[in-house]
Amino acid sequence: MAVLEVVDVVRRFGGKHAVTALQGFSMTVEAGEIVGLLGVNGAGKTTLVKIVATLLQPTSGTARVCGYDVTVRGRDARTHLGVVFGGDRGLYGRLSAVDNLIFFGGLAGIRRGLRRRAMEALEHVGLADRAGTRVETLSRGMRQRLHLAAGLLHQPRLLLLDEPTTGLDVVEAQRMRDHVAGLARTGVAVLLTSHYPVDVDQLANRVVVLQDGINRNDLPIARFRELAGFVAEVRITGTGPQPRGGDGQEIVATADGWTMTCRLHRWDAATLAMLTEITKGYAVTDLQVTPVGLEGVLHSLLGGRG
């Protein structure tokens, strides 16, 4: 049984001029799997997350967490569910980090060993040394990790992460990704939404693209990257005479020389030989290889709307 099952979920807003945010959307998330949910603004991502989190009821269809229907047995579903929306709201600035967790743990119905669990959660996210620190004095990255700790208090089997690295510097963002990857290795299922493709690129096993309320694509991340039609882009810079180039190679004159850009459909010995041949005898000063990223794939799929 999947940890999360979403089956034919429809959600409409409004009356006479109703807007349909989800149109028969279906997906699953297995234990230990990180699924990246991608889509442009208005695609229905937040609506879906709120339905799974039992914050919003679907118009029709079902969502189940560990077998519990989120509309019929929402309380049971929530016992297996951790939700991390992050941001600056949702924490009490004048309380310490551990007191925030104790408060949220009490709301979640945890009675036995609550302080111990709170300290364990702080340890897990690297904040044990800040347990007694008032939240208002913590950095944004630390507050984001505290949000994660709050979502882990009741040891959920499914974690919903909505934009977990928004506003974080590169160090804190990577630290957050490391924590999430570690959770998945323990068997926690993760549904991740993010406007930062690097989050999904580094973490996800699968990618689901939500477009106009439907599941447009649902693929392992390696196969999803293949949808771009190329594996990498090469940018070669040189001085002096320009190479002649060939099919699929764009050469642009610059103030200092020239730049050639080409997309590679595979990365192997033959490709290296081709790059060597077309630049042979020319003054190459720089060569940069950029593997195809999720942002490029998404942009291609959504016709420039990604």
C-alpha atoms as a PDB file:
ATOM      1  CA  MET A   1       0.000   0.000   0.000  1.00  0.00           C
ATOM      2  CA  ALA A   2       1.320   3.428  -0.978  1.00  0.00           C
ATOM      3  CA  VAL A   3       1.820   5.937   1.826  1.00  0.00           C
ATOM      4  CA  LEU A   4      -0.077   8.521  -0.253  1.00  0.00           C
ATOM      5  CA  GLU A   5      -2.767   7.735  -2.806  1.00  0.00           C
ATOM      6  CA  VAL A   6      -4.580  10.488  -4.685  1.00  0.00           C
ATOM      7  CA  VAL A   7      -7.360   9.173  -6.916  1.00  0.00           C
ATOM      8  CA  ASP A   8      -9.354  11.285  -9.404  1.00  0.00           C
ATOM      9  CA  VAL A   9      -9.378  14.368  -7.193  1.00  0.00           C
ATOM     10  CA  VAL A  10     -11.396  17.322  -8.453  1.00  0.00           C
ATOM     11  CA  ARG A  11     -11.508  20.686  -6.706  1.00  0.00           C
ATOM     12  CA  ARG A  12     -13.632  23.634  -7.835  1.00  0.00           C
ATOM     13  CA  PHE A  13     -13.790  27.090  -6.312  1.00  0.00           C
ATOM     14  CA  GLY A  14     -16.681  29.525  -6.627  1.00  0.00           C
ATOM     15  CA  GLY A  15     -20.288  29.216  -7.665  1.00  0.00           C
ATOM     16  CA  LYS A  16     -21.713  30.316 -11.012  1.00  0.00           C
ATOM     17  CA  HIS A  17     -18.303  31.082 -12.501  1.00  0.00           C
ATOM     18  CA  ALA A  18     -16.436  28.268 -10.804  1.00  0.00           C
ATOM     19  CA  VAL A  19     -12.712  27.776 -11.286  1.00  0.00           C
ATOM     20  CA  THR A  20     -11.476  24.191 -11.447  1.00  0.00           C
ATOM     21  CA  ALA A  21      -8.077  23.908  -9.753  1.00  0.00           C
ATOM     22  CA  LEU A  22      -7.800  20.113 -10.010  1.00  0.00           C
ATOM     23  CA  GLN A  23      -9.397  17.969 -12.715  1.00  0.00           C
ATOM     24  CA  GLY A  24      -9.328  14.279 -11.862  1.00  0.00           C
ATOM     25  CA  PHE A  25      -5.781  14.366 -10.517  1.00  0.00           C
ATOM     26  CA  SER A  26      -4.174  11.059  -9.443  1.00  0.00           C
ATOM     27  CA  MET A  27      -0.758  10.096  -8.075  1.00  0.00           C
ATOM     28  CA  THR A  28       0.965   7.944  -5.427  1.00  0.00           C
ATOM     29  CA  VAL A  29       4.004   8.247  -3.167  1.00  0.00           C
ATOM     30  CA  GLU A  30       5.701   5.164  -1.746  1.00  0.00           C
ATOM     31  CA  ALA A  31       7.623   4.785   1.514  1.00  0.00           C
ATOM     32  CA  GLY A  32      11.118   6.271   1.278  1.00  0.00           C
ATOM     33  CA  GLU A  33      10.315   8.018  -1.993  1.00  0.00           C
ATOM     34  CA  ILE A  34      10.709  11.745  -2.657  1.00  0.00           C
ATOM     35  CA  VAL A  35       8.330  12.973  -5.334  1.00  0.00           C
ATOM     36  CA  GLY A  36       8.820  16.462  -6.741  1.00  0.00           C
ATOM     37  CA  LEU A  37       5.583  18.224  -7.661  1.00  0.00           C
ATOM     38  CA  LEU A  38       6.241  20.848 -10.350  1.00  0.00           C
ATOM     39  CA  GLY A  39       4.057  23.333 -12.182  1.00  0.00           C
ATOM     40  CA  VAL A  40       3.579  27.022 -12.882  1.00  0.00           C
ATOM     41  CA  ASN A  41       1.712  29.331 -10.515  1.00  0.00           C
ATOM     42  CA  GLY A  42      -1.980  28.460 -10.574  1.00  0.00           C
ATOM     43  CA  ALA A  43      -1.402  24.874 -11.707  1.00  0.00           C
ATOM     44  CA  GLY A  44      -3.051  23.488  -8.554  1.00  0.00           C
ATOM     45  CA  LYS A  45      -0.017  22.479  -6.465  1.00  0.00           C
ATOM     46  CA  THR A  46      -1.023  24.326  -3.288  1.00  0.00           C
ATOM     47  CA  THR A  47      -4.624  23.135  -3.631  1.00  0.00           C
ATOM     48  CA  LEU A  48      -3.442  19.527  -3.822  1.00  0.00           C
ATOM     49  CA  VAL A  49      -1.134  19.888  -0.818  1.00  0.00           C
ATOM     50  CA  LYS A  50      -3.931  21.446   1.260  1.00  0.00           C
ATOM     51  CA  ILE A  51      -6.284  18.589   0.368  1.00  0.00           C
ATOM     52  CA  VAL A  52      -3.719  15.963   1.389  1.00  0.00           C
ATOM     53  CA  ALA A  53      -3.026  17.950   4.579  1.00  0.00           C
ATOM     54  CA  THR A  54      -6.784  17.811   5.422  1.00  0.00           C
ATOM     55  CA  LEU A  55      -6.991  21.623   5.237  1.00  0.00           C
ATOM     56  CA  LEU A  56      -9.277  21.591   2.200  1.00  0.00           C
ATOM     57  CA  GLN A  57     -11.898  19.116   1.031  1.00  0.00           C
ATOM     58  CA  PRO A  58     -11.964  17.884  -2.557  1.00  0.00           C
ATOM     59  CA  THR A  59     -15.079  18.462  -4.646  1.00  0.00           C
ATOM     60  CA  SER A  60     -14.859  14.797  -5.635  1.00  0.00           C
ATOM     61  CA  GLY A  61     -12.323  11.991  -5.649  1.00  0.00           C
ATOM     62  CA  THR A  62     -10.264  10.677  -2.759  1.00  0.00           C
ATOM     63  CA  ALA A  63      -6.885  11.113  -1.116  1.00  0.00           C
ATOM     64  CA  ARG A  64      -5.597   8.549   1.375  1.00  0.00           C
ATOM     65  CA  VAL A  65      -2.676   8.751   3.784  1.00  0.00           C
ATOM     66  CA  CYS A  66      -1.582   5.298   4.967  1.00  0.00           C
ATOM     67  CA  GLY A  67      -4.980   4.034   3.854  1.00  0.00           C
ATOM     68  CA  TYR A  68      -7.014   6.677   5.698  1.00  0.00           C
ATOM     69  CA  ASP A  69      -9.325   8.841   3.599  1.00  0.00           C
ATOM     70  CA  VAL A  70      -8.431  12.469   4.375  1.00  0.00           C
ATOM     71  CA  THR A  71     -12.069  13.570   4.243  1.00  0.00           C
ATOM     72  CA  VAL A  72     -13.668  10.693   6.164  1.00  0.00           C
ATOM     73  CA  ARG A  73     -10.888   9.848   8.625  1.00  0.00           C
ATOM     74  CA  GLY A  74      -8.904  13.055   8.664  1.00  0.00           C
ATOM     75  CA  ARG A  75      -7.788  12.686  12.282  1.00  0.00           C
ATOM     76  CA  ASP A  76      -6.329   9.242  11.595  1.00  0.00           C
ATOM     77  CA  ALA A  77      -4.637  10.536   8.442  1.00  0.00           C
ATOM     78  CA  ARG A  78      -3.047  13.419  10.365  1.00  0.00           C
ATOM     79  CA  THR A  79      -1.369  11.032  12.811  1.00  0.00           C
ATOM     80  CA  HIS A  80       0.796   9.825   9.908  1.00  0.00           C
ATOM     81  CA  LEU A  81       1.255  13.208   8.267  1.00  0.00           C
ATOM     82  CA  GLY A  82       3.827  15.974   8.754  1.00  0.00           C
ATOM     83  CA  VAL A  83       3.284  19.333   7.074  1.00  0.00           C
ATOM     84  CA  VAL A  84       6.036  21.912   6.606  1.00  0.00           C
ATOM     85  CA  PHE A  85       4.919  25.105   4.874  1.00  0.00           C
ATOM     86  CA  GLY A  86       7.823  27.106   6.254  1.00  0.00           C
ATOM     87  CA  GLY A  87       8.186  30.854   5.964  1.00  0.00           C
ATOM     88  CA  ASP A  88       8.294  33.401   8.748  1.00  0.00           C
ATOM     89  CA  ARG A  89       4.803  32.681  10.070  1.00  0.00           C
ATOM     90  CA  GLY A  90       3.631  29.823  12.228  1.00  0.00           C
ATOM     91  CA  LEU A  91       6.192  30.081  15.038  1.00  0.00           C
ATOM     92  CA  TYR A  92       5.990  32.031  18.299  1.00  0.00           C
ATOM     93  CA  GLY A  93       8.901  34.441  18.364  1.00  0.00           C
ATOM     94  CA  ARG A  94       8.970  35.049  22.120  1.00  0.00           C
ATOM     95  CA  LEU A  95       9.044  31.355  22.941  1.00  0.00           C
ATOM     96  CA  SER A  96      12.186  29.261  22.805  1.00  0.00           C
ATOM     97  CA  ALA A  97      12.715  26.690  20.077  1.00  0.00           C
ATOM     98  CA  VAL A  98      11.944  23.778  22.394  1.00  0.00           C
ATOM     99  CA  ASP A  99       8.874  25.488  23.861  1.00  0.00           C
ATOM    100  CA  ASN A 100       7.503  26.006  20.359  1.00  0.00           C
ATOM    101  CA  LEU A 101       7.864  22.289  19.698  1.00  0.00           C
ATOM    102  CA  ILE A 102       6.288  21.356  23.017  1.00  0.00           C
ATOM    103  CA  PHE A 103       3.334  23.594  22.202  1.00  0.00           C
ATOM    104  CA  PHE A 104       2.845  22.103  18.734  1.00  0.00           C
ATOM    105  CA  GLY A 105       3.357  18.591  20.074  1.00  0.00           C
ATOM    106  CA  GLY A 106       0.594  19.174  22.610  1.00  0.00           C
ATOM    107  CA  LEU A 107      -1.748  20.334  19.841  1.00  0.00           C
ATOM    108  CA  ALA A 108      -0.899  17.131  17.952  1.00  0.00           C
ATOM    109  CA  GLY A 109      -1.978  15.081  20.959  1.00  0.00           C
ATOM    110  CA  ILE A 110       1.477  13.949  22.071  1.00  0.00           C
ATOM    111  CA  ARG A 111       1.449  13.499  25.826  1.00  0.00           C
ATOM    112  CA  ARG A 112       4.121  11.013  26.840  1.00  0.00           C
ATOM    113  CA  GLY A 113       7.762  11.990  26.486  1.00  0.00           C
ATOM    114  CA  LEU A 114       6.959  15.245  24.676  1.00  0.00           C
ATOM    115  CA  ARG A 115      10.048  17.160  25.828  1.00  0.00           C
ATOM    116  CA  ARG A 116      12.281  14.224  24.906  1.00  0.00           C
ATOM    117  CA  ARG A 117      10.709  14.065  21.438  1.00  0.00           C
ATOM    118  CA  ALA A 118      11.133  17.815  21.042  1.00  0.00           C
ATOM    119  CA  MET A 119      14.829  17.590  21.872  1.00  0.00           C
ATOM    120  CA  GLU A 120      15.272  14.634  19.512  1.00  0.00           C
ATOM    121  CA  ALA A 121      13.624  16.623  16.696  1.00  0.00           C
ATOM    122  CA  LEU A 122      15.912  19.585  17.387  1.00  0.00           C
ATOM    123  CA  GLU A 123      18.909  17.253  17.342  1.00  0.00           C
ATOM    124  CA  HIS A 124      17.773  15.819  14.020  1.00  0.00           C
ATOM    125  CA  VAL A 125      17.736  19.240  12.358  1.00  0.00           C
ATOM    126  CA  GLY A 126      20.927  20.469  14.017  1.00  0.00           C
ATOM    127  CA  LEU A 127      19.314  22.865  16.499  1.00  0.00           C
ATOM    128  CA  ALA A 128      19.870  21.080  19.810  1.00  0.00           C
ATOM    129  CA  ASP A 129      22.252  23.820  20.908  1.00  0.00           C
ATOM    130  CA  ARG A 130      19.521  26.403  20.258  1.00  0.00           C
ATOM    131  CA  ALA A 131      16.796  24.670  22.261  1.00  0.00           C
ATOM    132  CA  GLY A 132      16.532  27.490  24.805  1.00  0.00           C
ATOM    133  CA  THR A 133      16.932  30.334  22.302  1.00  0.00           C
ATOM    134  CA  ARG A 134      13.976  32.593  21.561  1.00  0.00           C
ATOM    135  CA  VAL A 135      12.777  32.033  18.024  1.00  0.00           C
ATOM    136  CA  GLU A 136      12.761  35.742  17.183  1.00  0.00           C
ATOM    137  CA  THR A 137      16.555  35.746  17.474  1.00  0.00           C
ATOM    138  CA  LEU A 138      17.103  32.772  15.152  1.00  0.00           C
ATOM    139  CA  SER A 139      18.185  33.196  11.546  1.00  0.00           C
ATOM    140  CA  ARG A 140      15.704  32.487   8.783  1.00  0.00           C
ATOM    141  CA  GLY A 141      17.427  29.219   7.980  1.00  0.00           C
ATOM    142  CA  MET A 142      17.217  28.113  11.601  1.00  0.00           C
ATOM    143  CA  ARG A 143      13.509  28.971  11.721  1.00  0.00           C
ATOM    144  CA  GLN A 144      12.981  26.923   8.572  1.00  0.00           C
ATOM    145  CA  ARG A 145      14.717  23.979  10.214  1.00  0.00           C
ATOM    146  CA  LEU A 146      12.531  24.498  13.279  1.00  0.00           C
ATOM    147  CA  HIS A 147       9.474  24.219  11.036  1.00  0.00           C
ATOM    148  CA  LEU A 148      10.865  20.887   9.844  1.00  0.00           C
ATOM    149  CA  ALA A 149      11.421  19.751  13.429  1.00  0.00           C
ATOM    150  CA  ALA A 150       7.795  20.591  14.251  1.00  0.00           C
ATOM    151  CA  GLY A 151       6.659  18.474  11.312  1.00  0.00           C
ATOM    152  CA  LEU A 152       8.690  15.519  12.580  1.00  0.00           C
ATOM    153  CA  LEU A 153       7.523  15.526  16.213  1.00  0.00           C
ATOM    154  CA  HIS A 154       4.944  12.774  15.799  1.00  0.00           C
ATOM    155  CA  GLN A 155       7.227  10.699  13.558  1.00  0.00           C
ATOM    156  CA  PRO A 156       5.113  10.930  10.376  1.00  0.00           C
ATOM    157  CA  ARG A 157       5.247   8.461   7.529  1.00  0.00           C
ATOM    158  CA  LEU A 158       4.443  11.178   4.976  1.00  0.00           C
ATOM    159  CA  LEU A 159       6.016  14.631   4.920  1.00  0.00           C
ATOM    160  CA  LEU A 160       4.537  17.461   2.852  1.00  0.00           C
ATOM    161  CA  LEU A 161       7.176  20.078   2.048  1.00  0.00           C
ATOM    162  CA  ASP A 162       6.057  23.294   0.404  1.00  0.00           C
ATOM    163  CA  GLU A 163       8.916  25.554  -0.765  1.00  0.00           C
ATOM    164  CA  PRO A 164      11.319  24.373   1.977  1.00  0.00           C
ATOM    165  CA  THR A 165      14.315  26.488   0.868  1.00  0.00           C
ATOM    166  CA  THR A 166      12.586  29.776   0.012  1.00  0.00           C
ATOM    167  CA  GLY A 167      14.667  32.700   1.229  1.00  0.00           C
ATOM    168  CA  LEU A 168      17.566  30.566   2.471  1.00  0.00           C
ATOM    169  CA  ASP A 169      21.190  31.167   1.583  1.00  0.00           C
ATOM    170  CA  VAL A 170      23.048  28.430  -0.295  1.00  0.00           C
ATOM    171  CA  VAL A 171      24.490  26.880   2.875  1.00  0.00           C
ATOM    172  CA  GLU A 172      21.174  26.703   4.728  1.00  0.00           C
ATOM    173  CA  ALA A 173      19.361  25.499   1.603  1.00  0.00           C
ATOM    174  CA  GLN A 174      21.810  22.617   1.196  1.00  0.00           C
ATOM    175  CA  ARG A 175      21.542  21.789   4.889  1.00  0.00           C
ATOM    176  CA  MET A 176      17.751  21.579   4.521  1.00  0.00           C
ATOM    177  CA  ARG A 177      18.093  19.287   1.496  1.00  0.00           C
ATOM    178  CA  ASP A 178      20.460  17.037   3.416  1.00  0.00           C
ATOM    179  CA  HIS A 179      17.934  16.721   6.243  1.00  0.00           C
ATOM    180  CA  VAL A 180      15.144  15.814   3.826  1.00  0.00           C
ATOM    181  CA  ALA A 181      17.288  13.228   2.030  1.00  0.00           C
ATOM    182  CA  GLY A 182      18.151  11.694   5.390  1.00  0.00           C
ATOM    183  CA  LEU A 183      14.467  11.380   6.283  1.00  0.00           C
ATOM    184  CA  ALA A 184      13.733   9.518   3.051  1.00  0.00           C
ATOM    185  CA  ARG A 185      16.514   7.053   3.826  1.00  0.00           C
ATOM    186  CA  THR A 186      14.658   6.159   7.036  1.00  0.00           C
ATOM    187  CA  GLY A 187      11.511   5.318   5.037  1.00  0.00           C
ATOM    188  CA  VAL A 188       9.607   8.598   5.263  1.00  0.00           C
ATOM    189  CA  ALA A 189       7.693   9.419   2.074  1.00  0.00           C
ATOM    190  CA  VAL A 190       8.072  13.031   0.918  1.00  0.00           C
ATOM    191  CA  LEU A 191       5.922  15.135  -1.399  1.00  0.00           C
ATOM    192  CA  LEU A 192       7.991  18.196  -2.315  1.00  0.00           C
ATOM    193  CA  THR A 193       6.799  21.342  -4.055  1.00  0.00           C
ATOM    194  CA  SER A 194       9.329  24.016  -4.925  1.00  0.00           C
ATOM    195  CA  HIS A 195       9.920  26.879  -7.337  1.00  0.00           C
ATOM    196  CA  TYR A 196      13.631  26.080  -7.087  1.00  0.00           C
ATOM    197  CA  PRO A 197      14.430  23.275  -9.563  1.00  0.00           C
ATOM    198  CA  VAL A 198      17.677  22.519  -7.702  1.00  0.00           C
ATOM    199  CA  ASP A 199      15.617  21.248  -4.736  1.00  0.00           C
ATOM    200  CA  VAL A 200      13.803  18.710  -6.886  1.00  0.00           C
ATOM    201  CA  ASP A 201      16.892  18.001  -9.003  1.00  0.00           C
ATOM    202  CA  GLN A 202      18.934  16.971  -5.961  1.00  0.00           C
ATOM    203  CA  LEU A 203      16.243  15.217  -3.954  1.00  0.00           C
ATOM    204  CA  ALA A 204      13.484  13.684  -6.042  1.00  0.00           C
ATOM    205  CA  ASN A 205      13.234  10.091  -7.217  1.00  0.00           C
ATOM    206  CA  ARG A 206      10.237  10.978  -9.380  1.00  0.00           C
ATOM    207  CA  VAL A 207       8.801  14.118 -10.895  1.00  0.00           C
ATOM    208  CA  VAL A 208       5.098  14.881 -11.317  1.00  0.00           C
ATOM    209  CA  VAL A 209       4.135  17.844 -13.488  1.00  0.00           C
ATOM    210  CA  LEU A 210       0.791  19.408 -12.622  1.00  0.00           C
ATOM    211  CA  GLN A 211      -0.617  21.448 -15.495  1.00  0.00           C
ATOM    212  CA  ASP A 212      -4.119  22.920 -15.643  1.00  0.00           C
ATOM    213  CA  GLY A 213      -5.169  20.663 -12.786  1.00  0.00           C
ATOM    214  CA  ILE A 214      -4.110  17.356 -14.330  1.00  0.00           C
ATOM    215  CA  ASN A 215      -1.135  15.034 -13.980  1.00  0.00           C
ATOM    216  CA  ARG A 216       0.746  15.933 -17.153  1.00  0.00           C
ATOM    217  CA  ASN A 217       3.849  13.799 -16.494  1.00  0.00           C
ATOM    218  CA  ASP A 218       4.818  11.262 -13.850  1.00  0.00           C
ATOM    219  CA  LEU A 219       8.286   9.863 -14.459  1.00  0.00           C
ATOM    220  CA  PRO A 220      11.503   8.820 -12.703  1.00  0.00           C
ATOM    221  CA  ILE A 221      13.730  11.876 -12.632  1.00  0.00           C
ATOM    222  CA  ALA A 222      16.278  10.443 -15.089  1.00  0.00           C
ATOM    223  CA  ARG A 223      13.564   9.777 -17.676  1.00  0.00           C
ATOM    224  CA  PHE A 224      12.042  13.184 -17.037  1.00  0.00           C
ATOM    225  CA  ARG A 225      15.312  14.870 -17.943  1.00  0.00           C
ATOM    226  CA  GLU A 226      15.286  12.999 -21.259  1.00  0.00           C
ATOM    227  CA  LEU A 227      12.129  14.877 -22.276  1.00  0.00           C
ATOM    228  CA  ALA A 228      14.291  17.898 -23.053  1.00  0.00           C
ATOM    229  CA  GLY A 229      15.675  16.042 -26.074  1.00  0.00           C
ATOM    230  CA  PHE A 230      19.308  16.627 -25.111  1.00  0.00           C
ATOM    231  CA  VAL A 231      21.552  15.702 -22.180  1.00  0.00           C
ATOM    232  CA  ALA A 232      23.791  18.758 -21.938  1.00  0.00           C
ATOM    233  CA  GLU A 233      24.653  22.092 -23.460  1.00  0.00           C
ATOM    234  CA  VAL A 234      28.268  22.907 -24.342  1.00  0.00           C
ATOM    235  CA  ARG A 235      29.561  26.475 -24.587  1.00  0.00           C
ATOM    236  CA  ILE A 236      32.981  26.875 -26.193  1.00  0.00           C
ATOM    237  CA  THR A 237      34.755  30.239 -26.242  1.00  0.00           C
ATOM    238  CA  GLY A 238      37.778  31.104 -28.381  1.00  0.00           C
ATOM    239  CA  THR A 239      39.794  33.841 -30.055  1.00  0.00           C
ATOM    240  CA  GLY A 240      40.895  34.393 -33.629  1.00  0.00           C
ATOM    241  CA  PRO A 241      39.193  32.727 -36.614  1.00  0.00           C
ATOM    242  CA  GLN A 242      35.810  31.092 -36.028  1.00  0.00           C
ATOM    243  CA  PRO A 243      35.194  27.348 -36.497  1.00  0.00           C
ATOM    244  CA  ARG A 244      32.802  26.448 -39.275  1.00  0.00           C
ATOM    245  CA  GLY A 245      30.549  24.511 -36.924  1.00  0.00           C
ATOM    246  CA  GLY A 246      27.823  22.167 -38.096  1.00  0.00           C
ATOM    247  CA  ASP A 247      24.229  21.083 -37.546  1.00  0.00           C
ATOM    248  CA  GLY A 248      22.857  22.149 -34.179  1.00  0.00           C
ATOM    249  CA  GLN A 249      25.859  24.383 -33.430  1.00  0.00           C
ATOM    250  CA  GLU A 250      25.398  28.114 -33.042  1.00  0.00           C
ATOM    251  CA  ILE A 251      28.423  30.413 -33.403  1.00  0.00           C
ATOM    252  CA  VAL A 252      28.283  34.048 -32.310  1.00  0.00           C
ATOM    253  CA  ALA A 253      31.037  36.647 -32.778  1.00  0.00           C
ATOM    254  CA  THR A 254      32.087  38.485 -29.624  1.00  0.00           C
ATOM    255  CA  ALA A 255      34.302  41.474 -28.911  1.00  0.00           C
ATOM    256  CA  ASP A 256      37.167  39.143 -27.996  1.00  0.00           C
ATOM    257  CA  GLY A 257      36.561  36.338 -30.456  1.00  0.00           C
ATOM    258  CA  TRP A 258      33.692  33.885 -30.745  1.00  0.00           C
ATOM    259  CA  THR A 259      31.369  31.626 -28.749  1.00  0.00           C
ATOM    260  CA  MET A 260      29.935  28.352 -30.011  1.00  0.00           C
ATOM    261  CA  THR A 261      26.958  26.682 -28.334  1.00  0.00           C
ATOM    262  CA  CYS A 262      25.713  23.199 -29.091  1.00  0.00           C
ATOM    263  CA  ARG A 263      23.331  20.739 -27.487  1.00  0.00           C
ATOM    264  CA  LEU A 264      24.483  17.175 -26.983  1.00  0.00           C
ATOM    265  CA  HIS A 265      22.044  14.321 -27.487  1.00  0.00           C
ATOM    266  CA  ARG A 266      24.329  11.876 -25.727  1.00  0.00           C
ATOM    267  CA  TRP A 267      27.502  12.031 -23.675  1.00  0.00           C
ATOM    268  CA  ASP A 268      30.032   9.421 -24.775  1.00  0.00           C
ATOM    269  CA  ALA A 269      33.430   8.954 -26.478  1.00  0.00           C
ATOM    270  CA  ALA A 270      31.975   9.775 -29.901  1.00  0.00           C
ATOM    271  CA  THR A 271      30.663  13.088 -28.578  1.00  0.00           C
ATOM    272  CA  LEU A 272      34.067  13.998 -27.161  1.00  0.00           C
ATOM    273  CA  ALA A 273      35.664  13.126 -30.481  1.00  0.00           C
ATOM    274  CA  MET A 274      33.154  15.361 -32.290  1.00  0.00           C
ATOM    275  CA  LEU A 275      33.913  18.334 -30.009  1.00  0.00           C
ATOM    276  CA  THR A 276      37.637  17.787 -30.518  1.00  0.00           C
ATOM    277  CA  GLU A 277      37.269  17.646 -34.289  1.00  0.00           C
ATOM    278  CA  ILE A 278      35.195  20.806 -34.710  1.00  0.00           C
ATOM    279  CA  THR A 279      37.565  22.857 -32.517  1.00  0.00           C
ATOM    280  CA  LYS A 280      40.809  21.349 -33.844  1.00  0.00           C
ATOM    281  CA  GLY A 281      43.249  24.037 -34.892  1.00  0.00           C
ATOM    282  CA  TYR A 282      41.287  26.878 -33.294  1.00  0.00           C
ATOM    283  CA  ALA A 283      42.247  28.928 -30.240  1.00  0.00           C
ATOM    284  CA  VAL A 284      39.854  27.638 -27.565  1.00  0.00           C
ATOM    285  CA  THR A 285      40.041  29.595 -24.304  1.00  0.00           C
ATOM    286  CA  ASP A 286      37.141  28.087 -22.344  1.00  0.00           C
ATOM    287  CA  LEU A 287      34.754  25.142 -22.445  1.00  0.00           C
ATOM    288  CA  GLN A 288      31.697  24.816 -20.207  1.00  0.00           C
ATOM    289  CA  VAL A 289      29.368  21.818 -20.028  1.00  0.00           C
ATOM    290  CA  THR A 290      25.934  22.335 -18.441  1.00  0.00           C
ATOM    291  CA  PRO A 291      23.838  19.176 -17.901  1.00  0.00           C
ATOM    292  CA  VAL A 292      20.173  19.605 -18.717  1.00  0.00           C
ATOM    293  CA  GLY A 293      18.235  20.713 -15.628  1.00  0.00           C
ATOM    294  CA  LEU A 294      14.617  20.373 -14.616  1.00  0.00           C
ATOM    295  CA  GLU A 295      13.963  24.047 -15.291  1.00  0.00           C
ATOM    296  CA  GLY A 296      14.801  23.619 -18.957  1.00  0.00           C
ATOM    297  CA  VAL A 297      12.682  20.484 -19.260  1.00  0.00           C
ATOM    298  CA  LEU A 298       9.721  22.122 -17.553  1.00  0.00           C
ATOM    299  CA  HIS A 299      10.019  25.218 -19.722  1.00  0.00           C
ATOM    300  CA  SER A 300      10.026  23.037 -22.825  1.00  0.00           C
ATOM    301  CA  LEU A 301       7.012  20.976 -21.678  1.00  0.00           C
ATOM    302  CA  LEU A 302       4.878  23.952 -20.750  1.00  0.00           C
ATOM    303  CA  GLY A 303       5.582  25.906 -23.910  1.00  0.00           C
ATOM    304  CA  GLY A 304       7.486  28.708 -22.244  1.00  0.00           C
ATOM    305  CA  ARG A 305       5.111  29.045 -19.272  1.00  0.00           C
ATOM    306  CA  GLY A 306       7.351  27.204 -16.806  1.00  0.00           C
END
